[in-house]
Amino acid sequence: MQWSFRKAIQDTWSRGNSKLKLQNFYTGFGIHFCCDAFGRSLYMFTYEYLKRSMSERQHVDVDSNSASPANLSIPQRMICAASAGMTCWAFIYPADVIRSRLYS
């Protein structure tokens, strides 16, 4: 059986209550939005925290004005981003698995 976009739209439209046909297209949006919003906010918080702490550790001996996250190199920023991503997915993955199983 070959997948068809038109068939998928027709199946989604015809499923469920006849008065709430448009609502079928948004099934699962609430839990997806909550997981995504929490994940993104956790990622950004962790990324900024790691950038600032790495910058402060790098400039302990130097004047406090130079301890800016803007002074970090690209590899240091990549380490912060990778660490923030792993932290985010460590918290989000269980909820994402439950969400995927509910709506598959």
C-alpha atoms as a PDB file:
ATOM      1  CA  MET A   1       0.000   0.000   0.000  1.00  0.00           C
ATOM      2  CA  GLN A   2       1.402   3.330  -1.038  1.00  0.00           C
ATOM      3  CA  TRP A   3       0.969   6.382   1.163  1.00  0.00           C
ATOM      4  CA  SER A   4      -1.149   9.138  -0.312  1.00  0.00           C
ATOM      5  CA  PHE A   5      -1.472  12.676   1.011  1.00  0.00           C
ATOM      6  CA  ARG A   6      -4.992  12.964  -0.321  1.00  0.00           C
ATOM      7  CA  LYS A   7      -6.018   9.667   1.339  1.00  0.00           C
ATOM      8  CA  ALA A   8      -4.488  10.793   4.647  1.00  0.00           C
ATOM      9  CA  ILE A   9      -6.427  14.079   4.559  1.00  0.00           C
ATOM     10  CA  GLN A  10      -9.669  12.271   3.713  1.00  0.00           C
ATOM     11  CA  ASP A  11      -9.162   9.735   6.514  1.00  0.00           C
ATOM     12  CA  THR A  12      -8.408  12.467   9.043  1.00  0.00           C
ATOM     13  CA  TRP A  13     -11.424  14.504   7.927  1.00  0.00           C
ATOM     14  CA  SER A  14     -13.834  11.568   8.083  1.00  0.00           C
ATOM     15  CA  ARG A  15     -12.643  10.212  11.445  1.00  0.00           C
ATOM     16  CA  GLY A  16     -14.581  11.033  14.603  1.00  0.00           C
ATOM     17  CA  ASN A  17     -17.599  13.231  15.225  1.00  0.00           C
ATOM     18  CA  SER A  18     -19.123  14.782  12.119  1.00  0.00           C
ATOM     19  CA  LYS A  19     -19.414  18.212  13.779  1.00  0.00           C
ATOM     20  CA  LEU A  20     -15.758  18.336  14.876  1.00  0.00           C
ATOM     21  CA  LYS A  21     -14.029  17.372  11.641  1.00  0.00           C
ATOM     22  CA  LEU A  22     -11.546  20.245  11.688  1.00  0.00           C
ATOM     23  CA  GLN A  23     -10.552  19.360  15.255  1.00  0.00           C
ATOM     24  CA  ASN A  24      -9.175  16.016  14.025  1.00  0.00           C
ATOM     25  CA  PHE A  25      -6.281  17.856  12.387  1.00  0.00           C
ATOM     26  CA  TYR A  26      -5.183  19.323  15.738  1.00  0.00           C
ATOM     27  CA  THR A  27      -5.280  16.124  17.796  1.00  0.00           C
ATOM     28  CA  GLY A  28      -2.217  16.050  20.018  1.00  0.00           C
ATOM     29  CA  PHE A  29      -1.310  19.698  19.533  1.00  0.00           C
ATOM     30  CA  GLY A  30      -1.691  20.531  23.253  1.00  0.00           C
ATOM     31  CA  ILE A  31       0.761  17.952  24.559  1.00  0.00           C
ATOM     32  CA  HIS A  32       3.132  18.628  21.671  1.00  0.00           C
ATOM     33  CA  PHE A  33       3.065  22.358  22.421  1.00  0.00           C
ATOM     34  CA  CYS A  34       3.718  21.774  26.147  1.00  0.00           C
ATOM     35  CA  CYS A  35       6.636  19.432  25.478  1.00  0.00           C
ATOM     36  CA  ASP A  36       8.124  21.769  22.886  1.00  0.00           C
ATOM     37  CA  ALA A  37       7.694  24.913  24.986  1.00  0.00           C
ATOM     38  CA  PHE A  38       9.224  23.281  28.052  1.00  0.00           C
ATOM     39  CA  GLY A  39      12.040  21.785  25.977  1.00  0.00           C
ATOM     40  CA  ARG A  40      12.920  25.032  24.236  1.00  0.00           C
ATOM     41  CA  SER A  41      12.870  27.050  27.440  1.00  0.00           C
ATOM     42  CA  LEU A  42      15.043  24.465  29.197  1.00  0.00           C
ATOM     43  CA  TYR A  43      17.451  24.445  26.256  1.00  0.00           C
ATOM     44  CA  MET A  44      17.810  28.243  26.178  1.00  0.00           C
ATOM     45  CA  PHE A  45      18.192  28.517  29.947  1.00  0.00           C
ATOM     46  CA  THR A  46      20.880  25.814  29.989  1.00  0.00           C
ATOM     47  CA  TYR A  47      22.688  27.283  26.982  1.00  0.00           C
ATOM     48  CA  GLU A  48      22.845  30.776  28.472  1.00  0.00           C
ATOM     49  CA  TYR A  49      23.859  29.441  31.876  1.00  0.00           C
ATOM     50  CA  LEU A  50      26.687  27.377  30.395  1.00  0.00           C
ATOM     51  CA  LYS A  51      27.904  30.281  28.246  1.00  0.00           C
ATOM     52  CA  ARG A  52      27.996  32.642  31.204  1.00  0.00           C
ATOM     53  CA  SER A  53      29.643  30.172  33.557  1.00  0.00           C
ATOM     54  CA  MET A  54      32.252  29.231  30.933  1.00  0.00           C
ATOM     55  CA  SER A  55      32.952  32.895  30.303  1.00  0.00           C
ATOM     56  CA  GLU A  56      33.336  33.628  34.021  1.00  0.00           C
ATOM     57  CA  ARG A  57      35.699  30.678  34.531  1.00  0.00           C
ATOM     58  CA  GLN A  58      37.771  31.749  31.543  1.00  0.00           C
ATOM     59  CA  HIS A  59      38.226  35.288  32.873  1.00  0.00           C
ATOM     60  CA  VAL A  60      38.755  34.735  36.598  1.00  0.00           C
ATOM     61  CA  ASP A  61      42.079  36.582  36.687  1.00  0.00           C
ATOM     62  CA  VAL A  62      41.108  39.311  34.249  1.00  0.00           C
ATOM     63  CA  ASP A  63      38.956  42.403  34.716  1.00  0.00           C
ATOM     64  CA  SER A  64      35.266  41.590  35.246  1.00  0.00           C
ATOM     65  CA  ASN A  65      34.277  43.705  32.218  1.00  0.00           C
ATOM     66  CA  SER A  66      35.901  41.219  29.844  1.00  0.00           C
ATOM     67  CA  ALA A  67      33.906  38.265  31.256  1.00  0.00           C
ATOM     68  CA  SER A  68      31.256  38.500  28.558  1.00  0.00           C
ATOM     69  CA  PRO A  69      29.713  35.505  26.771  1.00  0.00           C
ATOM     70  CA  ALA A  70      30.466  37.381  23.536  1.00  0.00           C
ATOM     71  CA  ASN A  71      34.174  36.615  24.081  1.00  0.00           C
ATOM     72  CA  LEU A  72      33.689  32.843  23.741  1.00  0.00           C
ATOM     73  CA  SER A  73      35.098  31.045  20.730  1.00  0.00           C
ATOM     74  CA  ILE A  74      32.987  29.041  18.291  1.00  0.00           C
ATOM     75  CA  PRO A  75      34.082  25.637  19.688  1.00  0.00           C
ATOM     76  CA  GLN A  76      33.209  26.789  23.217  1.00  0.00           C
ATOM     77  CA  ARG A  77      29.757  27.871  22.043  1.00  0.00           C
ATOM     78  CA  MET A  78      29.324  24.541  20.275  1.00  0.00           C
ATOM     79  CA  ILE A  79      30.147  22.706  23.510  1.00  0.00           C
ATOM     80  CA  CYS A  80      27.582  24.824  25.356  1.00  0.00           C
ATOM     81  CA  ALA A  81      24.953  24.145  22.672  1.00  0.00           C
ATOM     82  CA  ALA A  82      25.617  20.395  22.625  1.00  0.00           C
ATOM     83  CA  SER A  83      25.467  20.177  26.415  1.00  0.00           C
ATOM     84  CA  ALA A  84      22.250  22.181  26.496  1.00  0.00           C
ATOM     85  CA  GLY A  85      20.726  19.937  23.830  1.00  0.00           C
ATOM     86  CA  MET A  86      21.618  16.774  25.745  1.00  0.00           C
ATOM     87  CA  THR A  87      20.189  18.233  28.943  1.00  0.00           C
ATOM     88  CA  CYS A  88      16.991  19.220  27.161  1.00  0.00           C
ATOM     89  CA  TRP A  89      16.469  15.794  25.613  1.00  0.00           C
ATOM     90  CA  ALA A  90      17.247  14.030  28.884  1.00  0.00           C
ATOM     91  CA  PHE A  91      14.173  15.722  30.380  1.00  0.00           C
ATOM     92  CA  ILE A  92      11.949  15.791  27.287  1.00  0.00           C
ATOM     93  CA  TYR A  93      12.520  12.300  25.868  1.00  0.00           C
ATOM     94  CA  PRO A  94      10.215  10.374  28.262  1.00  0.00           C
ATOM     95  CA  ALA A  95       7.321  12.758  27.607  1.00  0.00           C
ATOM     96  CA  ASP A  96       8.036  12.658  23.884  1.00  0.00           C
ATOM     97  CA  VAL A  97       7.896   8.848  23.860  1.00  0.00           C
ATOM     98  CA  ILE A  98       4.529   8.898  25.665  1.00  0.00           C
ATOM     99  CA  ARG A  99       3.200  11.538  23.260  1.00  0.00           C
ATOM    100  CA  SER A 100       4.348   9.537  20.240  1.00  0.00           C
ATOM    101  CA  ARG A 101       2.745   6.339  21.500  1.00  0.00           C
ATOM    102  CA  LEU A 102      -0.527   8.070  22.292  1.00  0.00           C
ATOM    103  CA  TYR A 103      -0.886   9.524  18.812  1.00  0.00           C
ATOM    104  CA  SER A 104       0.559   6.800  16.613  1.00  0.00           C
END
